[in-house]
N, C-alpha and C. Protein backbone atom coordinates (compact mmCIF):
# COMPACT_ATOMS: atom_id res chain seq x y z
N MET A 1 -20.36 -61.37 -22.24
CA MET A 1 -19.46 -61.36 -21.12
C MET A 1 -18.20 -62.17 -21.42
N ALA A 2 -18.41 -63.28 -22.13
CA ALA A 2 -17.27 -64.12 -22.48
C ALA A 2 -16.32 -63.38 -23.40
N TYR A 3 -16.90 -62.55 -24.30
CA TYR A 3 -16.06 -61.76 -25.21
C TYR A 3 -15.17 -60.81 -24.43
N CYS A 4 -15.73 -60.15 -23.41
CA CYS A 4 -14.97 -59.20 -22.59
C CYS A 4 -13.80 -59.91 -21.92
N TRP A 5 -14.06 -61.09 -21.37
CA TRP A 5 -12.97 -61.83 -20.73
C TRP A 5 -11.95 -62.28 -21.75
N ASN A 6 -12.42 -62.58 -22.94
CA ASN A 6 -11.52 -63.01 -24.00
C ASN A 6 -10.56 -61.88 -24.39
N VAL A 7 -11.13 -60.65 -24.52
CA VAL A 7 -10.29 -59.49 -24.86
C VAL A 7 -9.29 -59.21 -23.76
N LEU A 8 -9.75 -59.28 -22.52
CA LEU A 8 -8.86 -59.05 -21.38
C LEU A 8 -7.76 -60.10 -21.33
N ALA A 9 -8.09 -61.32 -21.62
CA ALA A 9 -7.09 -62.39 -21.64
C ALA A 9 -6.07 -62.15 -22.75
N GLN A 10 -6.53 -61.70 -23.93
CA GLN A 10 -5.61 -61.39 -25.02
C GLN A 10 -4.68 -60.23 -24.64
N PHE A 11 -5.25 -59.21 -23.96
CA PHE A 11 -4.45 -58.06 -23.54
C PHE A 11 -3.34 -58.50 -22.58
N TRP A 12 -3.70 -59.30 -21.57
CA TRP A 12 -2.68 -59.75 -20.63
C TRP A 12 -1.69 -60.70 -21.30
N GLY A 13 -2.15 -61.43 -22.27
CA GLY A 13 -1.23 -62.29 -23.02
C GLY A 13 -0.22 -61.45 -23.80
N TRP A 14 -0.71 -60.32 -24.38
CA TRP A 14 0.18 -59.44 -25.13
C TRP A 14 1.21 -58.80 -24.19
N ILE A 15 0.75 -58.38 -23.00
CA ILE A 15 1.66 -57.76 -22.03
C ILE A 15 2.72 -58.78 -21.61
N ALA A 16 2.32 -60.03 -21.39
CA ALA A 16 3.26 -61.06 -20.96
C ALA A 16 4.30 -61.34 -22.04
N LYS A 17 3.87 -61.31 -23.33
CA LYS A 17 4.79 -61.59 -24.42
C LYS A 17 5.69 -60.39 -24.74
N ASP A 18 5.11 -59.17 -24.70
CA ASP A 18 5.86 -57.99 -25.13
C ASP A 18 5.72 -56.87 -24.09
N SER A 19 6.08 -57.18 -22.87
CA SER A 19 5.90 -56.23 -21.77
C SER A 19 6.81 -55.00 -21.91
N ILE A 20 7.96 -55.17 -22.49
CA ILE A 20 8.89 -54.03 -22.63
C ILE A 20 8.27 -52.95 -23.52
N SER A 21 7.68 -53.31 -24.64
CA SER A 21 7.08 -52.30 -25.51
C SER A 21 5.87 -51.66 -24.85
N PHE A 22 5.08 -52.42 -24.09
CA PHE A 22 3.92 -51.86 -23.40
C PHE A 22 4.36 -50.81 -22.37
N PHE A 23 5.32 -51.16 -21.55
CA PHE A 23 5.76 -50.22 -20.53
C PHE A 23 6.51 -49.05 -21.13
N THR A 24 7.15 -49.23 -22.26
CA THR A 24 7.78 -48.11 -22.96
C THR A 24 6.71 -47.14 -23.46
N PHE A 25 5.60 -47.70 -23.96
CA PHE A 25 4.48 -46.87 -24.40
C PHE A 25 3.90 -46.07 -23.23
N VAL A 26 3.68 -46.71 -22.09
CA VAL A 26 3.17 -46.04 -20.89
C VAL A 26 4.16 -44.97 -20.43
N LEU A 27 5.43 -45.28 -20.47
CA LEU A 27 6.46 -44.32 -20.06
C LEU A 27 6.45 -43.09 -20.97
N ALA A 28 6.25 -43.29 -22.26
CA ALA A 28 6.19 -42.16 -23.20
C ALA A 28 5.00 -41.25 -22.90
N ILE A 29 3.87 -41.83 -22.57
CA ILE A 29 2.68 -41.02 -22.22
C ILE A 29 2.93 -40.23 -20.94
N VAL A 30 3.48 -40.86 -19.93
CA VAL A 30 3.78 -40.18 -18.66
C VAL A 30 4.82 -39.07 -18.90
N ALA A 31 5.82 -39.34 -19.71
CA ALA A 31 6.85 -38.33 -20.00
C ALA A 31 6.25 -37.13 -20.71
N ALA A 32 5.29 -37.36 -21.59
CA ALA A 32 4.63 -36.24 -22.28
C ALA A 32 3.89 -35.36 -21.27
N PHE A 33 3.19 -35.97 -20.32
CA PHE A 33 2.52 -35.19 -19.26
C PHE A 33 3.54 -34.42 -18.42
N GLN A 34 4.62 -35.08 -18.05
CA GLN A 34 5.66 -34.43 -17.26
C GLN A 34 6.30 -33.26 -18.02
N GLY A 35 6.48 -33.44 -19.33
CA GLY A 35 7.02 -32.35 -20.16
C GLY A 35 6.10 -31.14 -20.17
N GLY A 36 4.79 -31.38 -20.24
CA GLY A 36 3.83 -30.27 -20.18
C GLY A 36 3.90 -29.54 -18.85
N PHE A 37 4.00 -30.30 -17.75
CA PHE A 37 4.12 -29.66 -16.43
C PHE A 37 5.42 -28.87 -16.32
N LEU A 38 6.51 -29.43 -16.84
CA LEU A 38 7.80 -28.74 -16.80
C LEU A 38 7.74 -27.45 -17.61
N TRP A 39 7.13 -27.47 -18.77
CA TRP A 39 7.00 -26.27 -19.61
C TRP A 39 6.23 -25.17 -18.87
N ARG A 40 5.15 -25.56 -18.18
CA ARG A 40 4.38 -24.58 -17.41
C ARG A 40 5.20 -23.99 -16.27
N GLN A 41 6.02 -24.80 -15.62
CA GLN A 41 6.85 -24.31 -14.52
C GLN A 41 7.94 -23.36 -15.03
N ILE A 42 8.52 -23.66 -16.17
CA ILE A 42 9.53 -22.78 -16.76
C ILE A 42 8.91 -21.44 -17.12
N LYS A 43 7.74 -21.46 -17.73
CA LYS A 43 7.04 -20.22 -18.10
C LYS A 43 6.70 -19.41 -16.85
N LEU A 44 6.21 -20.06 -15.82
CA LEU A 44 5.88 -19.38 -14.57
C LEU A 44 7.12 -18.75 -13.94
N GLY A 45 8.22 -19.47 -13.92
CA GLY A 45 9.47 -18.93 -13.37
C GLY A 45 9.96 -17.74 -14.16
N ARG A 46 9.89 -17.80 -15.49
CA ARG A 46 10.31 -16.68 -16.33
C ARG A 46 9.43 -15.46 -16.10
N ASP A 47 8.11 -15.66 -16.04
CA ASP A 47 7.19 -14.55 -15.79
C ASP A 47 7.43 -13.92 -14.42
N GLU A 48 7.67 -14.74 -13.41
CA GLU A 48 7.93 -14.22 -12.07
C GLU A 48 9.23 -13.44 -12.04
N PHE A 49 10.27 -13.95 -12.69
CA PHE A 49 11.56 -13.23 -12.75
C PHE A 49 11.38 -11.88 -13.42
N ASN A 50 10.69 -11.86 -14.57
CA ASN A 50 10.49 -10.59 -15.28
C ASN A 50 9.68 -9.60 -14.46
N ALA A 51 8.70 -10.10 -13.71
CA ALA A 51 7.87 -9.21 -12.90
C ALA A 51 8.65 -8.60 -11.74
N THR A 52 9.58 -9.35 -11.19
CA THR A 52 10.34 -8.83 -10.05
C THR A 52 11.63 -8.14 -10.46
N HIS A 53 12.01 -8.23 -11.71
CA HIS A 53 13.24 -7.59 -12.19
C HIS A 53 12.93 -6.65 -13.35
N ARG A 54 11.95 -5.78 -13.17
CA ARG A 54 11.60 -4.85 -14.24
C ARG A 54 12.18 -3.48 -13.95
N GLY A 55 12.30 -2.71 -15.01
CA GLY A 55 12.76 -1.34 -14.85
C GLY A 55 11.68 -0.47 -14.24
N GLN A 56 12.09 0.60 -13.58
CA GLN A 56 11.14 1.54 -13.01
C GLN A 56 11.76 2.94 -13.07
N LEU A 57 11.21 3.78 -13.94
CA LEU A 57 11.72 5.14 -14.07
C LEU A 57 11.03 6.04 -13.05
N GLU A 58 11.83 6.78 -12.30
CA GLU A 58 11.32 7.70 -11.29
C GLU A 58 12.02 9.04 -11.41
N VAL A 59 11.31 10.09 -11.07
CA VAL A 59 11.90 11.42 -10.99
C VAL A 59 12.42 11.57 -9.57
N LYS A 60 13.73 11.69 -9.43
CA LYS A 60 14.33 11.73 -8.10
C LYS A 60 14.73 13.14 -7.66
N PHE A 61 15.21 13.95 -8.58
CA PHE A 61 15.70 15.27 -8.20
C PHE A 61 15.03 16.33 -9.07
N VAL A 62 14.58 17.40 -8.44
CA VAL A 62 14.00 18.53 -9.15
C VAL A 62 14.65 19.78 -8.58
N ARG A 63 15.21 20.61 -9.45
CA ARG A 63 15.83 21.84 -8.96
C ARG A 63 15.54 22.99 -9.90
N ASP A 64 15.44 24.16 -9.32
CA ASP A 64 15.16 25.37 -10.08
C ASP A 64 16.45 25.86 -10.71
N LEU A 65 16.41 26.13 -12.00
CA LEU A 65 17.60 26.65 -12.70
C LEU A 65 17.67 28.17 -12.64
N GLY A 66 16.60 28.78 -12.12
CA GLY A 66 16.59 30.23 -11.96
C GLY A 66 16.00 30.95 -13.17
N GLY A 67 15.11 31.89 -12.88
CA GLY A 67 14.53 32.72 -13.92
C GLY A 67 13.81 31.93 -14.99
N SER A 68 14.06 32.29 -16.23
CA SER A 68 13.37 31.65 -17.36
C SER A 68 14.05 30.37 -17.82
N LYS A 69 15.12 29.96 -17.15
CA LYS A 69 15.83 28.73 -17.55
C LYS A 69 15.00 27.49 -17.25
N GLY A 70 14.06 27.60 -16.32
CA GLY A 70 13.17 26.47 -16.06
C GLY A 70 13.56 25.66 -14.85
N VAL A 71 13.12 24.42 -14.87
CA VAL A 71 13.33 23.49 -13.77
C VAL A 71 13.99 22.24 -14.34
N GLU A 72 15.03 21.77 -13.67
CA GLU A 72 15.71 20.57 -14.14
C GLU A 72 15.20 19.36 -13.36
N ILE A 73 14.82 18.31 -14.07
CA ILE A 73 14.43 17.06 -13.43
C ILE A 73 15.45 15.99 -13.77
N THR A 74 15.68 15.08 -12.85
CA THR A 74 16.57 13.94 -13.08
C THR A 74 15.74 12.68 -12.99
N VAL A 75 15.76 11.89 -14.07
CA VAL A 75 15.02 10.64 -14.14
C VAL A 75 16.02 9.50 -13.96
N ILE A 76 15.69 8.59 -13.05
CA ILE A 76 16.59 7.47 -12.74
C ILE A 76 15.80 6.16 -12.86
N ASN A 77 16.46 5.14 -13.40
CA ASN A 77 15.88 3.79 -13.41
C ASN A 77 16.22 3.16 -12.06
N THR A 78 15.25 3.12 -11.15
CA THR A 78 15.47 2.55 -9.83
C THR A 78 15.16 1.06 -9.78
N GLY A 79 14.68 0.50 -10.88
CA GLY A 79 14.39 -0.92 -10.92
C GLY A 79 15.64 -1.74 -11.21
N SER A 80 15.46 -3.04 -11.33
CA SER A 80 16.60 -3.92 -11.58
C SER A 80 16.60 -4.48 -13.00
N GLY A 81 15.76 -3.90 -13.87
CA GLY A 81 15.72 -4.33 -15.27
C GLY A 81 15.78 -3.12 -16.18
N LYS A 82 15.84 -3.40 -17.48
CA LYS A 82 15.92 -2.34 -18.48
C LYS A 82 14.56 -1.67 -18.67
N ALA A 83 14.58 -0.37 -18.93
CA ALA A 83 13.36 0.38 -19.24
C ALA A 83 13.60 1.16 -20.53
N THR A 84 12.62 1.16 -21.42
CA THR A 84 12.73 1.85 -22.70
C THR A 84 11.70 2.98 -22.74
N LEU A 85 12.18 4.21 -22.86
CA LEU A 85 11.31 5.37 -22.86
C LEU A 85 10.42 5.39 -24.10
N VAL A 86 9.13 5.65 -23.89
CA VAL A 86 8.18 5.78 -24.98
C VAL A 86 7.82 7.24 -25.19
N SER A 87 7.47 7.94 -24.09
CA SER A 87 7.04 9.34 -24.19
C SER A 87 7.18 9.99 -22.82
N ALA A 88 7.36 11.30 -22.80
CA ALA A 88 7.44 12.03 -21.54
C ALA A 88 6.95 13.46 -21.74
N ARG A 89 6.21 13.95 -20.76
CA ARG A 89 5.73 15.34 -20.77
C ARG A 89 5.83 15.91 -19.37
N ALA A 90 6.13 17.19 -19.29
CA ALA A 90 6.17 17.87 -17.99
C ALA A 90 6.00 19.36 -18.23
N MET A 91 5.45 20.03 -17.22
CA MET A 91 5.28 21.47 -17.32
C MET A 91 5.30 22.11 -15.94
N LYS A 92 5.68 23.38 -15.94
CA LYS A 92 5.61 24.16 -14.71
C LYS A 92 4.14 24.45 -14.45
N TRP A 93 3.76 24.52 -13.19
CA TRP A 93 2.35 24.63 -12.84
C TRP A 93 2.18 25.61 -11.69
N TYR A 94 0.97 26.05 -11.53
CA TYR A 94 0.62 26.97 -10.45
C TYR A 94 -0.31 26.24 -9.51
N THR A 95 0.12 26.01 -8.27
CA THR A 95 -0.68 25.18 -7.36
C THR A 95 -1.94 25.87 -6.86
N ILE A 96 -2.18 27.10 -7.28
CA ILE A 96 -3.45 27.75 -6.96
C ILE A 96 -4.56 26.89 -7.57
N ARG A 97 -4.29 26.35 -8.74
CA ARG A 97 -5.24 25.45 -9.39
C ARG A 97 -4.99 24.04 -8.89
N ALA A 98 -5.96 23.15 -9.13
CA ALA A 98 -5.79 21.75 -8.74
C ALA A 98 -4.69 21.11 -9.59
N ALA A 99 -4.10 20.05 -9.07
CA ALA A 99 -3.06 19.33 -9.81
C ALA A 99 -3.63 18.83 -11.13
N PRO A 100 -2.86 18.90 -12.20
CA PRO A 100 -3.39 18.48 -13.51
C PRO A 100 -3.45 16.97 -13.63
N SER A 101 -4.38 16.51 -14.45
CA SER A 101 -4.40 15.09 -14.79
C SER A 101 -3.41 14.92 -15.95
N PRO A 102 -2.99 13.69 -16.24
CA PRO A 102 -2.05 13.49 -17.35
C PRO A 102 -2.56 14.05 -18.67
N HIS A 103 -3.87 14.09 -18.88
CA HIS A 103 -4.42 14.57 -20.15
C HIS A 103 -4.39 16.09 -20.27
N GLU A 104 -4.18 16.78 -19.16
CA GLU A 104 -4.12 18.24 -19.19
C GLU A 104 -2.74 18.77 -19.52
N ILE A 105 -1.76 17.89 -19.61
CA ILE A 105 -0.41 18.32 -19.97
C ILE A 105 -0.31 18.25 -21.49
N PRO A 106 -0.20 19.39 -22.17
CA PRO A 106 -0.31 19.41 -23.63
C PRO A 106 0.92 18.85 -24.34
N GLY A 107 0.75 18.64 -25.64
CA GLY A 107 1.83 18.10 -26.47
C GLY A 107 3.06 18.98 -26.51
N GLN A 108 2.87 20.31 -26.32
CA GLN A 108 4.03 21.21 -26.33
C GLN A 108 4.96 20.92 -25.16
N ALA A 109 4.46 20.25 -24.14
CA ALA A 109 5.27 19.97 -22.95
C ALA A 109 6.08 18.69 -23.10
N GLU A 110 6.02 18.05 -24.27
CA GLU A 110 6.75 16.80 -24.47
C GLU A 110 8.25 17.07 -24.47
N PHE A 111 9.00 16.18 -23.88
CA PHE A 111 10.46 16.31 -23.86
C PHE A 111 11.07 14.96 -24.12
N SER A 112 12.34 14.94 -24.43
CA SER A 112 12.99 13.67 -24.76
C SER A 112 14.18 13.43 -23.83
N LEU A 113 14.27 12.21 -23.42
CA LEU A 113 15.40 11.72 -22.65
C LEU A 113 16.08 10.66 -23.50
N LYS A 114 17.15 10.09 -23.00
CA LYS A 114 17.72 8.97 -23.74
C LYS A 114 16.70 7.84 -23.78
N THR A 115 16.80 6.97 -24.74
CA THR A 115 15.77 5.96 -24.97
C THR A 115 15.87 4.78 -24.03
N ASN A 116 17.05 4.25 -23.83
CA ASN A 116 17.22 3.03 -23.03
C ASN A 116 17.87 3.34 -21.69
N PHE A 117 17.24 2.86 -20.63
CA PHE A 117 17.77 3.04 -19.28
C PHE A 117 18.08 1.66 -18.70
N ARG A 118 19.34 1.40 -18.46
CA ARG A 118 19.72 0.20 -17.72
C ARG A 118 19.53 0.50 -16.23
N PRO A 119 19.57 -0.50 -15.36
CA PRO A 119 19.43 -0.21 -13.93
C PRO A 119 20.45 0.83 -13.47
N SER A 120 20.00 1.79 -12.70
CA SER A 120 20.79 2.90 -12.13
C SER A 120 21.17 3.98 -13.14
N ASP A 121 20.80 3.84 -14.40
CA ASP A 121 21.05 4.91 -15.38
C ASP A 121 20.16 6.11 -15.06
N SER A 122 20.65 7.29 -15.43
CA SER A 122 19.86 8.50 -15.22
C SER A 122 20.06 9.46 -16.39
N ASP A 123 19.16 10.42 -16.48
CA ASP A 123 19.26 11.47 -17.49
C ASP A 123 18.54 12.69 -16.93
N ARG A 124 18.95 13.89 -17.40
CA ARG A 124 18.35 15.13 -16.91
C ARG A 124 17.73 15.90 -18.06
N TYR A 125 16.73 16.70 -17.71
CA TYR A 125 16.08 17.53 -18.70
C TYR A 125 15.59 18.81 -18.02
N ALA A 126 15.73 19.95 -18.72
CA ALA A 126 15.24 21.23 -18.20
C ALA A 126 13.84 21.49 -18.75
N ILE A 127 12.88 21.64 -17.86
CA ILE A 127 11.49 21.90 -18.24
C ILE A 127 11.30 23.41 -18.30
N THR A 128 10.90 23.90 -19.46
CA THR A 128 10.69 25.34 -19.61
C THR A 128 9.25 25.67 -19.95
N TYR A 129 8.46 24.70 -20.37
CA TYR A 129 7.08 24.98 -20.80
C TYR A 129 6.18 25.20 -19.58
N SER A 130 5.41 26.28 -19.60
CA SER A 130 4.47 26.54 -18.51
C SER A 130 3.07 26.80 -19.01
N GLY A 131 2.89 26.98 -20.30
CA GLY A 131 1.56 27.25 -20.83
C GLY A 131 1.17 28.71 -20.73
N ARG A 132 1.80 29.42 -19.81
CA ARG A 132 1.61 30.87 -19.69
C ARG A 132 2.84 31.43 -18.98
N GLY A 133 3.09 32.67 -19.16
CA GLY A 133 4.26 33.29 -18.54
C GLY A 133 4.05 33.48 -17.05
N GLY A 134 5.07 33.98 -16.40
CA GLY A 134 4.95 34.29 -14.98
C GLY A 134 5.59 33.26 -14.10
N ASP A 135 5.39 33.46 -12.80
CA ASP A 135 6.01 32.59 -11.81
C ASP A 135 5.26 31.26 -11.72
N TYR A 136 5.91 30.28 -11.21
CA TYR A 136 5.33 28.95 -11.04
C TYR A 136 5.76 28.44 -9.68
N ASP A 137 5.02 27.51 -9.13
CA ASP A 137 5.41 26.95 -7.84
C ASP A 137 5.28 25.43 -7.77
N ALA A 138 5.15 24.79 -8.93
CA ALA A 138 5.10 23.33 -8.96
C ALA A 138 5.50 22.82 -10.34
N VAL A 139 5.82 21.54 -10.39
CA VAL A 139 6.16 20.87 -11.65
C VAL A 139 5.38 19.56 -11.67
N PHE A 140 4.69 19.30 -12.78
CA PHE A 140 3.94 18.06 -12.95
C PHE A 140 4.32 17.44 -14.29
N GLY A 141 4.22 16.12 -14.37
CA GLY A 141 4.48 15.46 -15.64
C GLY A 141 4.29 13.96 -15.54
N TRP A 142 4.55 13.30 -16.65
CA TRP A 142 4.48 11.84 -16.70
C TRP A 142 5.51 11.30 -17.67
N ILE A 143 5.90 10.06 -17.39
CA ILE A 143 6.87 9.36 -18.23
C ILE A 143 6.27 7.99 -18.54
N ILE A 144 6.16 7.67 -19.82
CA ILE A 144 5.65 6.37 -20.24
C ILE A 144 6.84 5.56 -20.75
N TYR A 145 6.95 4.32 -20.28
CA TYR A 145 8.08 3.48 -20.67
C TYR A 145 7.66 2.02 -20.72
N ASP A 146 8.43 1.24 -21.47
CA ASP A 146 8.20 -0.20 -21.57
C ASP A 146 9.27 -0.92 -20.75
N THR A 147 8.86 -2.00 -20.10
CA THR A 147 9.81 -2.81 -19.34
C THR A 147 10.21 -4.02 -20.17
N ALA A 148 11.20 -4.75 -19.69
CA ALA A 148 11.72 -5.90 -20.45
C ALA A 148 10.68 -6.98 -20.68
N ASP A 149 9.69 -7.09 -19.78
CA ASP A 149 8.66 -8.11 -19.93
C ASP A 149 7.53 -7.66 -20.85
N GLY A 150 7.66 -6.46 -21.46
CA GLY A 150 6.68 -5.99 -22.42
C GLY A 150 5.55 -5.17 -21.82
N ALA A 151 5.55 -4.97 -20.51
CA ALA A 151 4.49 -4.17 -19.88
C ALA A 151 4.77 -2.68 -20.12
N ARG A 152 3.73 -1.94 -20.44
CA ARG A 152 3.85 -0.49 -20.58
C ARG A 152 3.45 0.14 -19.26
N ARG A 153 4.33 0.98 -18.70
CA ARG A 153 4.09 1.58 -17.40
C ARG A 153 4.18 3.10 -17.49
N THR A 154 3.52 3.77 -16.56
CA THR A 154 3.53 5.22 -16.52
C THR A 154 3.89 5.68 -15.12
N THR A 155 4.82 6.61 -15.02
CA THR A 155 5.13 7.27 -13.77
C THR A 155 4.61 8.69 -13.87
N TYR A 156 3.70 9.05 -12.99
CA TYR A 156 3.17 10.40 -12.92
C TYR A 156 3.84 11.08 -11.73
N PHE A 157 4.37 12.28 -11.91
CA PHE A 157 5.08 12.92 -10.81
C PHE A 157 4.61 14.35 -10.62
N GLY A 158 4.75 14.82 -9.40
CA GLY A 158 4.42 16.19 -9.06
C GLY A 158 5.32 16.67 -7.93
N ARG A 159 5.85 17.86 -8.06
CA ARG A 159 6.69 18.46 -7.02
C ARG A 159 6.25 19.90 -6.84
N ARG A 160 6.20 20.36 -5.59
CA ARG A 160 5.89 21.76 -5.33
C ARG A 160 7.11 22.45 -4.75
N ARG A 161 7.17 23.73 -4.99
CA ARG A 161 8.30 24.51 -4.48
C ARG A 161 8.09 24.74 -2.99
N ASP A 162 9.10 24.43 -2.21
CA ASP A 162 9.08 24.71 -0.78
C ASP A 162 9.92 25.96 -0.57
N TYR A 163 9.26 27.06 -0.35
CA TYR A 163 9.97 28.34 -0.25
C TYR A 163 10.84 28.42 1.00
N ASP A 164 10.47 27.69 2.05
CA ASP A 164 11.30 27.70 3.27
C ASP A 164 12.62 26.99 3.04
N ARG A 165 12.58 25.88 2.32
CA ARG A 165 13.79 25.10 2.07
C ARG A 165 14.45 25.45 0.74
N GLU A 166 13.76 26.18 -0.09
CA GLU A 166 14.25 26.64 -1.39
C GLU A 166 14.54 25.50 -2.38
N TYR A 167 13.72 24.48 -2.33
CA TYR A 167 13.79 23.45 -3.36
C TYR A 167 12.42 22.80 -3.51
N PHE A 168 12.31 21.85 -4.45
CA PHE A 168 11.04 21.21 -4.73
C PHE A 168 10.89 19.94 -3.89
N VAL A 169 9.70 19.72 -3.38
CA VAL A 169 9.42 18.54 -2.56
C VAL A 169 8.23 17.79 -3.16
N GLU A 170 8.08 16.55 -2.76
CA GLU A 170 6.98 15.73 -3.27
C GLU A 170 5.65 16.30 -2.81
N ILE A 171 4.64 16.12 -3.62
CA ILE A 171 3.30 16.61 -3.30
C ILE A 171 2.49 15.50 -2.68
N ASN A 172 2.13 15.65 -1.42
CA ASN A 172 1.30 14.72 -0.65
C ASN A 172 1.90 13.33 -0.50
N GLU A 173 2.28 12.71 -1.58
CA GLU A 173 2.80 11.36 -1.51
C GLU A 173 3.83 11.18 -2.62
N ALA A 174 4.56 10.08 -2.55
CA ALA A 174 5.62 9.82 -3.53
C ALA A 174 5.04 9.58 -4.92
N ASP A 175 5.90 9.54 -5.91
CA ASP A 175 5.46 9.21 -7.27
C ASP A 175 4.72 7.88 -7.23
N TRP A 176 3.74 7.75 -8.08
CA TRP A 176 3.02 6.49 -8.14
C TRP A 176 3.04 5.97 -9.55
N ASN A 177 2.98 4.66 -9.68
CA ASN A 177 3.04 3.99 -10.97
C ASN A 177 1.74 3.24 -11.21
N PHE A 178 1.38 3.13 -12.45
CA PHE A 178 0.27 2.26 -12.80
C PHE A 178 0.53 1.72 -14.19
N ILE A 179 0.07 0.51 -14.42
CA ILE A 179 0.26 -0.12 -15.72
C ILE A 179 -0.83 0.40 -16.64
N GLN A 180 -0.42 0.85 -17.82
CA GLN A 180 -1.36 1.44 -18.78
C GLN A 180 -2.14 0.38 -19.49
């Protein structure tokens, strides 16, 4: 017990003689902890900014070009960040059958748009592939793209021909996105 008090007395004696170096040492340890907390806050802020300012490619306009010319789609980046196109496929479809899943759209239906979309950028493409000849009454497809934060996203779209209004309208609900 006397040894313990002796060590404690030496410690307090050292603090009394060289208190500036002791408190500098304590300050350095506290600053290291604070630096770690600051780094985590900066990372969290950057991740949150990237998540709320990402690109989002959507098919906004679909129009019939008439006859065998196909259907023109317009893809727009409606998000507030950059989007980089990875792949896109679309085909004319017959709604007598159920809507296709993304895996049912074959490689022949692949099309290319410009690669980089800044916010509000758009590009158009005429879809001519149907898999079989004849009339069609819907258009289905998907667009895979990367956002600035590195997330890979997919927009799957479907439009059916509205014969009363003579243009294509959304099928049941708006385009939906999911992270791949």
